[in-house]
C-alpha atoms as a PDB file:
ATOM      1  CA  MET A   1      35.547  55.140 114.167  1.00  0.00           C
ATOM      2  CA  MET A   2      33.905  55.663 117.775  1.00  0.00           C
ATOM      3  CA  ASN A   3      32.516  59.174 118.113  1.00  0.00           C
ATOM      4  CA  LYS A   4      34.275  60.903 120.697  1.00  0.00           C
ATOM      5  CA  GLN A   5      32.229  61.299 124.669  1.00  0.00           C
ATOM      6  CA  LYS A   6      31.655  64.810 125.352  1.00  0.00           C
ATOM      7  CA  ILE A   7      31.738  66.792 128.647  1.00  0.00           C
ATOM      8  CA  LEU A   8      30.879  69.850 130.135  1.00  0.00           C
ATOM      9  CA  ILE A   9      33.844  71.046 132.269  1.00  0.00           C
ATOM     10  CA  ALA A  10      31.882  74.455 134.727  1.00  0.00           C
ATOM     11  CA  ASP A  11      33.894  76.153 136.189  1.00  0.00           C
ATOM     12  CA  ASP A  12      35.108  79.680 137.064  1.00  0.00           C
ATOM     13  CA  GLU A  13      38.625  79.249 137.415  1.00  0.00           C
ATOM     14  CA  ALA A  14      40.223  79.211 133.725  1.00  0.00           C
ATOM     15  CA  GLN A  15      43.020  77.414 134.799  1.00  0.00           C
ATOM     16  CA  ILE A  16      41.655  74.642 135.895  1.00  0.00           C
ATOM     17  CA  ARG A  17      39.286  74.192 132.968  1.00  0.00           C
ATOM     18  CA  GLU A  18      42.309  74.914 130.399  1.00  0.00           C
ATOM     19  CA  ILE A  19      44.006  71.844 132.580  1.00  0.00           C
ATOM     20  CA  LEU A  20      41.502  69.459 132.344  1.00  0.00           C
ATOM     21  CA  ARG A  21      40.994  69.930 128.894  1.00  0.00           C
ATOM     22  CA  ILE A  22      44.216  68.836 127.997  1.00  0.00           C
ATOM     23  CA  TYR A  23      43.809  65.521 130.193  1.00  0.00           C
ATOM     24  CA  PHE A  24      40.663  64.990 128.675  1.00  0.00           C
ATOM     25  CA  GLU A  25      41.832  65.858 125.297  1.00  0.00           C
ATOM     26  CA  LYS A  26      44.620  63.035 125.557  1.00  0.00           C
ATOM     27  CA  GLU A  27      41.767  60.833 126.405  1.00  0.00           C
ATOM     28  CA  ASN A  28      39.702  61.274 123.024  1.00  0.00           C
ATOM     29  CA  PHE A  29      36.512  63.156 124.522  1.00  0.00           C
ATOM     30  CA  GLU A  30      35.220  66.601 122.682  1.00  0.00           C
ATOM     31  CA  VAL A  31      35.312  69.051 125.547  1.00  0.00           C
ATOM     32  CA  VAL A  32      33.034  72.431 126.617  1.00  0.00           C
ATOM     33  CA  GLU A  33      33.192  74.652 128.749  1.00  0.00           C
ATOM     34  CA  ALA A  34      31.465  76.897 130.571  1.00  0.00           C
ATOM     35  CA  GLU A  35      32.506  79.603 132.628  1.00  0.00           C
ATOM     36  CA  ASP A  36      29.365  80.247 134.976  1.00  0.00           C
ATOM     37  CA  GLY A  37      26.424  78.755 136.064  1.00  0.00           C
ATOM     38  CA  ALA A  38      24.169  80.094 133.590  1.00  0.00           C
ATOM     39  CA  ALA A  39      26.131  79.094 130.550  1.00  0.00           C
ATOM     40  CA  ALA A  40      26.392  76.003 131.502  1.00  0.00           C
ATOM     41  CA  ILE A  41      22.486  74.858 131.670  1.00  0.00           C
ATOM     42  CA  LEU A  42      22.735  76.593 128.150  1.00  0.00           C
ATOM     43  CA  LYS A  43      25.598  74.527 127.457  1.00  0.00           C
ATOM     44  CA  VAL A  44      23.953  71.480 128.230  1.00  0.00           C
ATOM     45  CA  GLN A  45      20.436  72.643 126.628  1.00  0.00           C
ATOM     46  CA  SER A  46      23.081  73.382 123.261  1.00  0.00           C
ATOM     47  CA  GLU A  47      25.392  71.146 122.971  1.00  0.00           C
ATOM     48  CA  LYS A  48      24.416  67.659 124.424  1.00  0.00           C
ATOM     49  CA  PRO A  49      27.274  66.715 126.054  1.00  0.00           C
ATOM     50  CA  ASP A  50      26.960  63.105 128.020  1.00  0.00           C
ATOM     51  CA  ILE A  51      28.380  64.039 130.962  1.00  0.00           C
ATOM     52  CA  LEU A  52      28.518  67.290 132.821  1.00  0.00           C
ATOM     53  CA  LEU A  53      32.128  67.999 135.181  1.00  0.00           C
ATOM     54  CA  LEU A  54      30.381  71.050 137.704  1.00  0.00           C
ATOM     55  CA  ASP A  55      31.855  73.314 140.430  1.00  0.00           C
ATOM     56  CA  ILE A  56      29.540  74.229 142.770  1.00  0.00           C
ATOM     57  CA  MET A  57      31.266  78.091 144.345  1.00  0.00           C
ATOM     58  CA  MET A  58      30.311  79.426 140.303  1.00  0.00           C
ATOM     59  CA  PRO A  59      29.008  83.351 139.850  1.00  0.00           C
ATOM     60  CA  VAL A  60      25.134  84.133 138.611  1.00  0.00           C
ATOM     61  CA  LEU A  61      24.194  80.668 140.051  1.00  0.00           C
ATOM     62  CA  ASP A  62      25.975  78.311 141.652  1.00  0.00           C
ATOM     63  CA  GLY A  63      26.731  74.405 141.310  1.00  0.00           C
ATOM     64  CA  ILE A  64      23.969  73.308 143.309  1.00  0.00           C
ATOM     65  CA  GLU A  65      21.208  75.514 141.784  1.00  0.00           C
ATOM     66  CA  VAL A  66      22.856  74.362 138.660  1.00  0.00           C
ATOM     67  CA  CYS A  67      22.025  71.085 138.772  1.00  0.00           C
ATOM     68  CA  LYS A  68      18.582  71.104 139.788  1.00  0.00           C
ATOM     69  CA  GLN A  69      17.600  73.091 136.834  1.00  0.00           C
ATOM     70  CA  VAL A  70      19.704  70.161 134.625  1.00  0.00           C
ATOM     71  CA  ARG A  71      18.196  67.152 136.601  1.00  0.00           C
ATOM     72  CA  LYS A  72      14.671  69.186 135.739  1.00  0.00           C
ATOM     73  CA  MET A  73      16.175  68.661 131.342  1.00  0.00           C
ATOM     74  CA  THR A  74      18.333  65.416 131.309  1.00  0.00           C
ATOM     75  CA  ASP A  75      19.159  63.122 133.370  1.00  0.00           C
ATOM     76  CA  LEU A  76      22.701  63.084 132.288  1.00  0.00           C
ATOM     77  CA  PRO A  77      25.686  62.105 134.716  1.00  0.00           C
ATOM     78  CA  ILE A  78      26.368  64.706 137.183  1.00  0.00           C
ATOM     79  CA  ILE A  79      29.800  65.039 138.855  1.00  0.00           C
ATOM     80  CA  MET A  80      30.127  68.382 141.829  1.00  0.00           C
ATOM     81  CA  VAL A  81      33.447  69.419 142.335  1.00  0.00           C
ATOM     82  CA  THR A  82      33.986  71.467 145.013  1.00  0.00           C
ATOM     83  CA  ALA A  83      36.660  73.697 147.414  1.00  0.00           C
ATOM     84  CA  LYS A  84      35.267  73.131 150.268  1.00  0.00           C
ATOM     85  CA  ASP A  85      35.975  69.794 152.428  1.00  0.00           C
ATOM     86  CA  GLU A  86      32.878  70.102 154.111  1.00  0.00           C
ATOM     87  CA  ASP A  87      29.655  67.472 154.312  1.00  0.00           C
ATOM     88  CA  ASP A  88      27.089  69.723 153.698  1.00  0.00           C
ATOM     89  CA  ASP A  89      27.971  70.665 149.768  1.00  0.00           C
ATOM     90  CA  ARG A  90      28.645  67.279 149.049  1.00  0.00           C
ATOM     91  CA  ILE A  91      25.072  65.813 150.420  1.00  0.00           C
ATOM     92  CA  ALA A  92      23.480  69.035 148.805  1.00  0.00           C
ATOM     93  CA  GLY A  93      24.591  68.001 145.903  1.00  0.00           C
ATOM     94  CA  LEU A  94      24.201  64.371 146.098  1.00  0.00           C
ATOM     95  CA  GLU A  95      20.741  65.070 147.187  1.00  0.00           C
ATOM     96  CA  ILE A  96      19.565  66.967 144.556  1.00  0.00           C
ATOM     97  CA  GLY A  97      20.854  63.377 141.954  1.00  0.00           C
ATOM     98  CA  ALA A  98      24.295  64.362 141.779  1.00  0.00           C
ATOM     99  CA  ASP A  99      25.822  61.300 140.515  1.00  0.00           C
ATOM    100  CA  ASP A 100      29.662  61.841 142.225  1.00  0.00           C
ATOM    101  CA  TYR A 101      31.250  64.680 143.511  1.00  0.00           C
ATOM    102  CA  ILE A 102      35.193  66.109 143.714  1.00  0.00           C
ATOM    103  CA  THR A 103      36.698  67.859 146.076  1.00  0.00           C
ATOM    104  CA  LYS A 104      39.076  70.381 145.382  1.00  0.00           C
ATOM    105  CA  PRO A 105      42.467  70.194 145.114  1.00  0.00           C
ATOM    106  CA  PHE A 106      42.058  67.289 142.711  1.00  0.00           C
ATOM    107  CA  ASN A 107      44.407  65.019 140.660  1.00  0.00           C
ATOM    108  CA  SER A 108      43.456  65.476 137.030  1.00  0.00           C
ATOM    109  CA  ARG A 109      44.470  61.845 136.225  1.00  0.00           C
ATOM    110  CA  GLU A 110      41.775  61.379 138.951  1.00  0.00           C
ATOM    111  CA  VAL A 111      39.133  62.541 137.786  1.00  0.00           C
ATOM    112  CA  VAL A 112      39.422  61.570 134.408  1.00  0.00           C
ATOM    113  CA  ALA A 113      39.166  58.200 135.890  1.00  0.00           C
ATOM    114  CA  ARG A 114      36.175  58.972 138.592  1.00  0.00           C
ATOM    115  CA  VAL A 115      34.186  60.558 135.142  1.00  0.00           C
ATOM    116  CA  LYS A 116      35.084  57.172 133.144  1.00  0.00           C
ATOM    117  CA  ALA A 117      34.219  55.282 135.720  1.00  0.00           C
ATOM    118  CA  VAL A 118      29.897  56.837 135.809  1.00  0.00           C
ATOM    119  CA  LEU A 119      30.045  57.312 132.472  1.00  0.00           C
ATOM    120  CA  ARG A 120      31.202  53.083 132.236  1.00  0.00           C
ATOM    121  CA  ARG A 121      27.835  52.525 134.989  1.00  0.00           C
ATOM    122  CA  ALA A 122      25.559  55.239 132.326  1.00  0.00           C
ATOM    123  CA  ASN A 123      26.315  53.221 129.255  1.00  0.00           C
ATOM    124  CA  THR A 124      26.387  49.866 130.329  1.00  0.00           C
ATOM    125  CA  GLN A 125      22.517  49.378 130.102  1.00  0.00           C
ATOM    126  CA  GLU A 126      22.459  46.713 127.574  1.00  0.00           C
ATOM    127  CA  LYS A 127      20.431  44.302 129.514  1.00  0.00           C
ATOM    128  CA  LYS A 128      17.783  42.622 127.302  1.00  0.00           C
ATOM    129  CA  GLY A 129      14.758  40.208 127.756  1.00  0.00           C
ATOM    130  CA  ASP A 130      13.714  39.263 131.420  1.00  0.00           C
ATOM    131  CA  ALA A 131      17.025  40.440 132.733  1.00  0.00           C
ATOM    132  CA  SER A 132      16.459  43.666 132.291  1.00  0.00           C
ATOM    133  CA  ARG A 133      13.148  44.023 133.964  1.00  0.00           C
ATOM    134  CA  ILE A 134      12.359  43.509 138.051  1.00  0.00           C
ATOM    135  CA  THR A 135       8.437  42.977 139.155  1.00  0.00           C
ATOM    136  CA  TYR A 136       7.007  43.158 142.425  1.00  0.00           C
ATOM    137  CA  ASP A 137       3.678  44.036 143.553  1.00  0.00           C
ATOM    138  CA  GLY A 138       3.676  47.572 142.794  1.00  0.00           C
ATOM    139  CA  LEU A 139       7.050  48.148 141.949  1.00  0.00           C
ATOM    140  CA  ILE A 140       8.527  47.939 138.110  1.00  0.00           C
ATOM    141  CA  VAL A 141      12.065  48.591 137.272  1.00  0.00           C
ATOM    142  CA  ASP A 142      12.931  48.147 133.968  1.00  0.00           C
ATOM    143  CA  MET A 143      16.742  48.735 133.062  1.00  0.00           C
ATOM    144  CA  GLU A 144      16.211  48.729 129.282  1.00  0.00           C
ATOM    145  CA  GLU A 145      13.055  51.554 129.066  1.00  0.00           C
ATOM    146  CA  TYR A 146      15.514  52.987 132.003  1.00  0.00           C
ATOM    147  CA  GLN A 147      11.810  53.409 133.874  1.00  0.00           C
ATOM    148  CA  VAL A 148      10.363  53.131 137.085  1.00  0.00           C
ATOM    149  CA  THR A 149       6.475  51.938 137.753  1.00  0.00           C
ATOM    150  CA  ALA A 150       6.097  51.975 141.887  1.00  0.00           C
ATOM    151  CA  PHE A 151       2.632  51.941 142.857  1.00  0.00           C
ATOM    152  CA  GLY A 152       0.873  53.419 139.332  1.00  0.00           C
ATOM    153  CA  HIS A 153       3.542  56.328 139.119  1.00  0.00           C
ATOM    154  CA  LYS A 154       6.027  56.630 136.709  1.00  0.00           C
ATOM    155  CA  MET A 155       9.272  57.600 137.789  1.00  0.00           C
ATOM    156  CA  THR A 156      12.465  59.433 136.989  1.00  0.00           C
ATOM    157  CA  PHE A 157      15.760  58.057 138.872  1.00  0.00           C
ATOM    158  CA  THR A 158      19.404  59.284 138.579  1.00  0.00           C
ATOM    159  CA  THR A 159      21.571  56.709 136.645  1.00  0.00           C
ATOM    160  CA  LYS A 160      23.021  55.557 140.485  1.00  0.00           C
ATOM    161  CA  GLU A 161      19.693  55.658 141.895  1.00  0.00           C
ATOM    162  CA  MET A 162      18.403  52.998 139.321  1.00  0.00           C
ATOM    163  CA  GLU A 163      21.694  50.860 139.935  1.00  0.00           C
ATOM    164  CA  LEU A 164      21.616  50.850 143.749  1.00  0.00           C
ATOM    165  CA  LEU A 165      17.553  49.797 143.443  1.00  0.00           C
ATOM    166  CA  TRP A 166      18.004  47.384 140.828  1.00  0.00           C
ATOM    167  CA  CYS A 167      21.745  46.047 142.631  1.00  0.00           C
ATOM    168  CA  LEU A 168      19.063  45.525 145.877  1.00  0.00           C
ATOM    169  CA  ALA A 169      15.594  44.574 144.186  1.00  0.00           C
ATOM    170  CA  SER A 170      17.477  41.636 142.064  1.00  0.00           C
ATOM    171  CA  ASN A 171      19.209  40.471 145.438  1.00  0.00           C
ATOM    172  CA  PRO A 172      15.944  40.207 147.017  1.00  0.00           C
ATOM    173  CA  GLY A 173      16.547  39.299 150.900  1.00  0.00           C
ATOM    174  CA  LYS A 174      20.241  40.038 150.380  1.00  0.00           C
ATOM    175  CA  ALA A 175      21.829  42.174 152.865  1.00  0.00           C
ATOM    176  CA  PHE A 176      24.524  44.409 151.069  1.00  0.00           C
ATOM    177  CA  SER A 177      26.562  46.566 153.459  1.00  0.00           C
ATOM    178  CA  ARG A 178      27.418  49.656 152.753  1.00  0.00           C
ATOM    179  CA  ASN A 179      30.849  49.205 150.927  1.00  0.00           C
ATOM    180  CA  GLN A 180      30.005  46.523 148.961  1.00  0.00           C
ATOM    181  CA  LEU A 181      27.242  48.786 147.780  1.00  0.00           C
ATOM    182  CA  LEU A 182      30.211  51.477 146.723  1.00  0.00           C
ATOM    183  CA  GLU A 183      31.962  49.065 144.603  1.00  0.00           C
ATOM    184  CA  THR A 184      29.469  47.795 142.924  1.00  0.00           C
ATOM    185  CA  ILE A 185      27.303  50.776 142.027  1.00  0.00           C
ATOM    186  CA  TRP A 186      30.379  53.333 142.058  1.00  0.00           C
ATOM    187  CA  GLY A 187      32.931  50.564 140.705  1.00  0.00           C
ATOM    188  CA  TYR A 188      36.075  52.083 142.077  1.00  0.00           C
ATOM    189  CA  SER A 189      37.193  52.838 145.731  1.00  0.00           C
ATOM    190  CA  TYR A 190      35.190  55.990 147.003  1.00  0.00           C
ATOM    191  CA  TYR A 191      37.639  56.552 150.428  1.00  0.00           C
ATOM    192  CA  GLY A 192      35.204  55.162 152.543  1.00  0.00           C
ATOM    193  CA  ASP A 193      32.409  57.625 152.637  1.00  0.00           C
ATOM    194  CA  THR A 194      30.060  55.501 153.086  1.00  0.00           C
ATOM    195  CA  ARG A 195      27.499  58.410 153.582  1.00  0.00           C
ATOM    196  CA  THR A 196      27.063  58.753 149.647  1.00  0.00           C
ATOM    197  CA  VAL A 197      24.739  55.244 149.596  1.00  0.00           C
ATOM    198  CA  ASP A 198      22.642  56.433 153.109  1.00  0.00           C
ATOM    199  CA  THR A 199      21.825  59.875 150.671  1.00  0.00           C
ATOM    200  CA  HIS A 200      20.936  57.617 147.402  1.00  0.00           C
ATOM    201  CA  ILE A 201      18.790  54.989 149.368  1.00  0.00           C
ATOM    202  CA  LYS A 202      17.250  58.462 151.208  1.00  0.00           C
ATOM    203  CA  ARG A 203      16.196  59.827 148.065  1.00  0.00           C
ATOM    204  CA  ILE A 204      15.220  56.121 146.422  1.00  0.00           C
ATOM    205  CA  ARG A 205      12.788  56.140 149.520  1.00  0.00           C
ATOM    206  CA  GLN A 206      10.879  59.805 148.804  1.00  0.00           C
ATOM    207  CA  LYS A 207      10.256  58.899 145.145  1.00  0.00           C
ATOM    208  CA  LEU A 208       8.819  55.741 145.781  1.00  0.00           C
ATOM    209  CA  ASN A 209       7.285  56.708 149.147  1.00  0.00           C
ATOM    210  CA  ILE A 210       5.964  52.955 150.021  1.00  0.00           C
ATOM    211  CA  PRO A 211       3.015  52.791 151.641  1.00  0.00           C
ATOM    212  CA  ALA A 212       2.793  50.629 155.408  1.00  0.00           C
ATOM    213  CA  ASP A 213       1.595  48.151 153.450  1.00  0.00           C
ATOM    214  CA  ALA A 214       3.120  47.476 151.156  1.00  0.00           C
ATOM    215  CA  LYS A 215       4.695  43.541 150.107  1.00  0.00           C
ATOM    216  CA  TRP A 216       8.199  45.057 149.917  1.00  0.00           C
ATOM    217  CA  ASP A 217      10.410  46.951 151.926  1.00  0.00           C
ATOM    218  CA  ILE A 218      14.239  48.923 151.407  1.00  0.00           C
ATOM    219  CA  THR A 219      14.938  47.806 155.236  1.00  0.00           C
ATOM    220  CA  THR A 220      17.762  49.291 156.905  1.00  0.00           C
ATOM    221  CA  ILE A 221      20.267  46.034 157.876  1.00  0.00           C
ATOM    222  CA  TRP A 222      21.432  48.826 161.742  1.00  0.00           C
ATOM    223  CA  GLY A 223      25.290  48.676 161.322  1.00  0.00           C
ATOM    224  CA  VAL A 224      25.790  46.939 157.987  1.00  0.00           C
ATOM    225  CA  GLY A 225      23.801  48.099 155.410  1.00  0.00           C
ATOM    226  CA  TYR A 226      20.371  47.671 153.414  1.00  0.00           C
ATOM    227  CA  LYS A 227      18.893  45.249 151.796  1.00  0.00           C
ATOM    228  CA  PHE A 228      15.438  44.731 149.698  1.00  0.00           C
ATOM    229  CA  GLU A 229      12.848  42.676 151.671  1.00  0.00           C
ATOM    230  CA  VAL A 230      10.094  40.628 150.388  1.00  0.00           C
ATOM    231  CA  LYS A 231       7.179  40.475 153.723  1.00  0.00           C
ATOM    232  CA  GLU A 232       5.053  37.414 153.673  1.00  0.00           C
ATOM    233  CA  SER A 233       1.472  37.383 152.551  1.00  0.00           C
END
């Protein structure tokens, strides 16, 4: 019998938690709840969930601060939930390491679909052998070990950052549109919000800290998207 996947729902509205619990339990999830930010952090530590559905507007600690603290402890997938349809909330969540976001009011079935999509991407790290490792001068991307080493420094990447870097680095010279990257990495229609890709690329570049004389780069193709460029010697 397959083990149930565990979701932690952190939201200060009991009614929303209950509705989501019903939907997720129907889909054979084990559901854990937290009513505020501080409780969410404790539940992440004690319950070891497979994914965190995290409301931004919560008492004690808001979702942004919770996401920051959780990211210091673990790379579990995080989906942010906000009542505000504002760019600042969404971008702030993505910049600190959230994998996805959902805006209230939402359709509960859509939330379940989003969670399943994020978990599928997080759980499909089954690549073996040479196919799981890419090496360039100053860069190693290892999907089996889930590790990035850039210029001698090992660093932590979120699930989506890893997948995005892998997608680009495994196709050197190929230009990807933002919509192509959304479909490839997120695995479902993302309502055309291509700024999600831009935010993740920005974080990847910051972490890699690519020097000017590096033999490769993540290049912006203005009006189109991005490509991993290997420079000629």
